[in-house]
């Protein structure tokens, strides 16, 4: 579970992360080369798709910023839901969906 978010860091279980992460119910992957929306072009979506999500949450930092349509299309074209929100909201939504045993993956930027 995501235990805390703020001041440029995430606390997931007992670990602290200060960079972008991909998180599922059983996995946390750091994505050091993605710091903001412009960096999404370097992210290989197969890293997320390999986690078999039914829904992907994109947390975009302190405020909601929508990515390029081509980024969203990679998931929507595969029949995977895709939601964009600020990182705090994405953390809360992720925890609720994991508790409901949904196959959710969150890409969380600071």
C-alpha atoms as a PDB file:
ATOM      1  CA  UNK A   1       0.000   0.000   0.000  1.00  0.00           C
ATOM      2  CA  UNK A   2       0.969   3.604  -0.490  1.00  0.00           C
ATOM      3  CA  UNK A   3       1.301   4.878   3.058  1.00  0.00           C
ATOM      4  CA  UNK A   4       2.186   8.527   2.416  1.00  0.00           C
ATOM      5  CA  UNK A   5       2.746  11.057  -0.330  1.00  0.00           C
ATOM      6  CA  UNK A   6       4.202  14.538  -0.051  1.00  0.00           C
ATOM      7  CA  UNK A   7       7.305  16.713  -0.072  1.00  0.00           C
ATOM      8  CA  UNK A   8       8.654  15.000  -3.185  1.00  0.00           C
ATOM      9  CA  UNK A   9       8.515  11.476  -1.860  1.00  0.00           C
ATOM     10  CA  UNK A  10       6.294   8.416  -1.658  1.00  0.00           C
ATOM     11  CA  UNK A  11       6.212   5.893   1.134  1.00  0.00           C
ATOM     12  CA  UNK A  12       5.190   2.491  -0.193  1.00  0.00           C
ATOM     13  CA  UNK A  13       5.014  -0.136   2.524  1.00  0.00           C
ATOM     14  CA  UNK A  14       8.190   0.631   4.510  1.00  0.00           C
ATOM     15  CA  UNK A  15      10.266   2.057   1.645  1.00  0.00           C
ATOM     16  CA  UNK A  16      10.663   5.693   0.569  1.00  0.00           C
ATOM     17  CA  UNK A  17      10.886   6.667  -3.111  1.00  0.00           C
ATOM     18  CA  UNK A  18      11.927  10.070  -4.430  1.00  0.00           C
ATOM     19  CA  UNK A  19      11.582   9.346  -8.133  1.00  0.00           C
ATOM     20  CA  UNK A  20       8.812   8.271 -10.464  1.00  0.00           C
ATOM     21  CA  UNK A  21       7.544   4.757  -9.780  1.00  0.00           C
ATOM     22  CA  UNK A  22       5.345   2.155 -11.391  1.00  0.00           C
ATOM     23  CA  UNK A  23       3.429   0.352  -8.658  1.00  0.00           C
ATOM     24  CA  UNK A  24       1.042  -2.588  -8.628  1.00  0.00           C
ATOM     25  CA  UNK A  25      -0.318  -4.658  -5.755  1.00  0.00           C
ATOM     26  CA  UNK A  26       2.867  -6.754  -5.758  1.00  0.00           C
ATOM     27  CA  UNK A  27       5.549  -4.712  -7.555  1.00  0.00           C
ATOM     28  CA  UNK A  28       7.339  -1.366  -7.306  1.00  0.00           C
ATOM     29  CA  UNK A  29       9.598  -0.316 -10.186  1.00  0.00           C
ATOM     30  CA  UNK A  30      11.538   2.943 -10.200  1.00  0.00           C
ATOM     31  CA  UNK A  31      11.583   4.978 -13.395  1.00  0.00           C
ATOM     32  CA  UNK A  32      14.418   7.455 -12.834  1.00  0.00           C
ATOM     33  CA  UNK A  33      14.405   8.734 -16.432  1.00  0.00           C
ATOM     34  CA  UNK A  34      10.803  10.015 -16.165  1.00  0.00           C
ATOM     35  CA  UNK A  35      10.662  13.222 -14.141  1.00  0.00           C
ATOM     36  CA  UNK A  36       7.816  15.076 -15.845  1.00  0.00           C
ATOM     37  CA  UNK A  37       5.264  14.789 -18.643  1.00  0.00           C
ATOM     38  CA  UNK A  38       7.829  15.542 -21.358  1.00  0.00           C
ATOM     39  CA  UNK A  39       9.808  12.460 -20.312  1.00  0.00           C
ATOM     40  CA  UNK A  40       6.909  10.066 -20.946  1.00  0.00           C
ATOM     41  CA  UNK A  41       8.131   9.643 -24.535  1.00  0.00           C
ATOM     42  CA  UNK A  42      11.077   7.574 -23.226  1.00  0.00           C
ATOM     43  CA  UNK A  43       8.898   5.239 -21.152  1.00  0.00           C
ATOM     44  CA  UNK A  44       8.420   1.835 -22.716  1.00  0.00           C
ATOM     45  CA  UNK A  45       4.731   1.024 -22.081  1.00  0.00           C
ATOM     46  CA  UNK A  46       5.571  -2.689 -22.009  1.00  0.00           C
ATOM     47  CA  UNK A  47       6.910  -2.103 -18.465  1.00  0.00           C
ATOM     48  CA  UNK A  48       3.355  -1.276 -17.409  1.00  0.00           C
ATOM     49  CA  UNK A  49       1.573  -3.733 -19.708  1.00  0.00           C
ATOM     50  CA  UNK A  50       3.703  -6.606 -18.352  1.00  0.00           C
ATOM     51  CA  UNK A  51       1.946  -6.132 -14.993  1.00  0.00           C
ATOM     52  CA  UNK A  52      -1.391  -7.097 -16.647  1.00  0.00           C
ATOM     53  CA  UNK A  53      -3.483  -4.110 -15.512  1.00  0.00           C
ATOM     54  CA  UNK A  54      -7.163  -3.615 -16.146  1.00  0.00           C
ATOM     55  CA  UNK A  55      -6.673   0.050 -15.222  1.00  0.00           C
ATOM     56  CA  UNK A  56      -3.660   2.379 -15.304  1.00  0.00           C
ATOM     57  CA  UNK A  57      -3.567   5.470 -13.097  1.00  0.00           C
ATOM     58  CA  UNK A  58      -1.223   8.303 -14.033  1.00  0.00           C
ATOM     59  CA  UNK A  59      -0.305  10.595 -11.127  1.00  0.00           C
ATOM     60  CA  UNK A  60       1.157  13.770 -12.608  1.00  0.00           C
ATOM     61  CA  UNK A  61       2.590  15.494  -9.536  1.00  0.00           C
ATOM     62  CA  UNK A  62       0.970  18.345  -7.645  1.00  0.00           C
ATOM     63  CA  UNK A  63      -1.600  19.025 -10.336  1.00  0.00           C
ATOM     64  CA  UNK A  64      -3.408  17.107 -13.020  1.00  0.00           C
ATOM     65  CA  UNK A  65      -1.739  17.393 -16.428  1.00  0.00           C
ATOM     66  CA  UNK A  66      -2.909  15.302 -19.355  1.00  0.00           C
ATOM     67  CA  UNK A  67      -0.289  13.428 -21.389  1.00  0.00           C
ATOM     68  CA  UNK A  68      -0.134  13.349 -25.164  1.00  0.00           C
ATOM     69  CA  UNK A  69      -2.982  11.452 -26.765  1.00  0.00           C
ATOM     70  CA  UNK A  70      -0.477   8.979 -28.229  1.00  0.00           C
ATOM     71  CA  UNK A  71       0.593   7.920 -24.718  1.00  0.00           C
ATOM     72  CA  UNK A  72      -2.991   7.305 -23.569  1.00  0.00           C
ATOM     73  CA  UNK A  73      -3.812   5.495 -26.815  1.00  0.00           C
ATOM     74  CA  UNK A  74      -1.271   2.760 -26.084  1.00  0.00           C
ATOM     75  CA  UNK A  75      -3.399   1.608 -23.142  1.00  0.00           C
ATOM     76  CA  UNK A  76      -6.858   2.406 -24.460  1.00  0.00           C
ATOM     77  CA  UNK A  77      -6.054   0.535 -27.684  1.00  0.00           C
ATOM     78  CA  UNK A  78      -5.220  -2.531 -25.592  1.00  0.00           C
ATOM     79  CA  UNK A  79      -8.590  -2.320 -23.808  1.00  0.00           C
ATOM     80  CA  UNK A  80      -7.030  -1.030 -20.581  1.00  0.00           C
ATOM     81  CA  UNK A  81      -8.667   1.818 -18.695  1.00  0.00           C
ATOM     82  CA  UNK A  82      -6.540   4.944 -18.243  1.00  0.00           C
ATOM     83  CA  UNK A  83      -7.119   7.733 -15.736  1.00  0.00           C
ATOM     84  CA  UNK A  84      -5.086  10.905 -15.128  1.00  0.00           C
ATOM     85  CA  UNK A  85      -5.060  12.763 -11.800  1.00  0.00           C
ATOM     86  CA  UNK A  86      -2.694  14.534  -9.440  1.00  0.00           C
ATOM     87  CA  UNK A  87      -0.378  12.138  -7.602  1.00  0.00           C
ATOM     88  CA  UNK A  88      -2.134  12.466  -4.243  1.00  0.00           C
ATOM     89  CA  UNK A  89      -5.472  11.465  -5.778  1.00  0.00           C
ATOM     90  CA  UNK A  90      -3.788   8.648  -7.712  1.00  0.00           C
ATOM     91  CA  UNK A  91      -2.295   7.276  -4.479  1.00  0.00           C
ATOM     92  CA  UNK A  92      -5.664   7.289  -2.717  1.00  0.00           C
ATOM     93  CA  UNK A  93      -7.433   5.738  -5.718  1.00  0.00           C
ATOM     94  CA  UNK A  94      -4.740   3.075  -6.055  1.00  0.00           C
ATOM     95  CA  UNK A  95      -5.160   2.006  -2.421  1.00  0.00           C
ATOM     96  CA  UNK A  96      -8.944   1.740  -2.752  1.00  0.00           C
ATOM     97  CA  UNK A  97      -8.710  -0.300  -5.950  1.00  0.00           C
ATOM     98  CA  UNK A  98      -6.064  -2.647  -4.513  1.00  0.00           C
ATOM     99  CA  UNK A  99      -8.308  -3.204  -1.476  1.00  0.00           C
ATOM    100  CA  UNK A 100     -11.063  -4.166  -3.937  1.00  0.00           C
ATOM    101  CA  UNK A 101      -8.592  -6.638  -5.519  1.00  0.00           C
ATOM    102  CA  UNK A 102      -8.636  -4.829  -8.857  1.00  0.00           C
ATOM    103  CA  UNK A 103      -5.684  -5.192 -11.238  1.00  0.00           C
ATOM    104  CA  UNK A 104      -4.509  -1.609 -11.074  1.00  0.00           C
ATOM    105  CA  UNK A 105      -1.105  -0.164 -11.936  1.00  0.00           C
ATOM    106  CA  UNK A 106      -0.114   3.401 -11.053  1.00  0.00           C
ATOM    107  CA  UNK A 107       2.595   5.473 -12.702  1.00  0.00           C
ATOM    108  CA  UNK A 108       3.334   8.101 -10.065  1.00  0.00           C
ATOM    109  CA  UNK A 109       5.419  11.213 -10.682  1.00  0.00           C
ATOM    110  CA  UNK A 110       6.598  13.535  -7.952  1.00  0.00           C
END
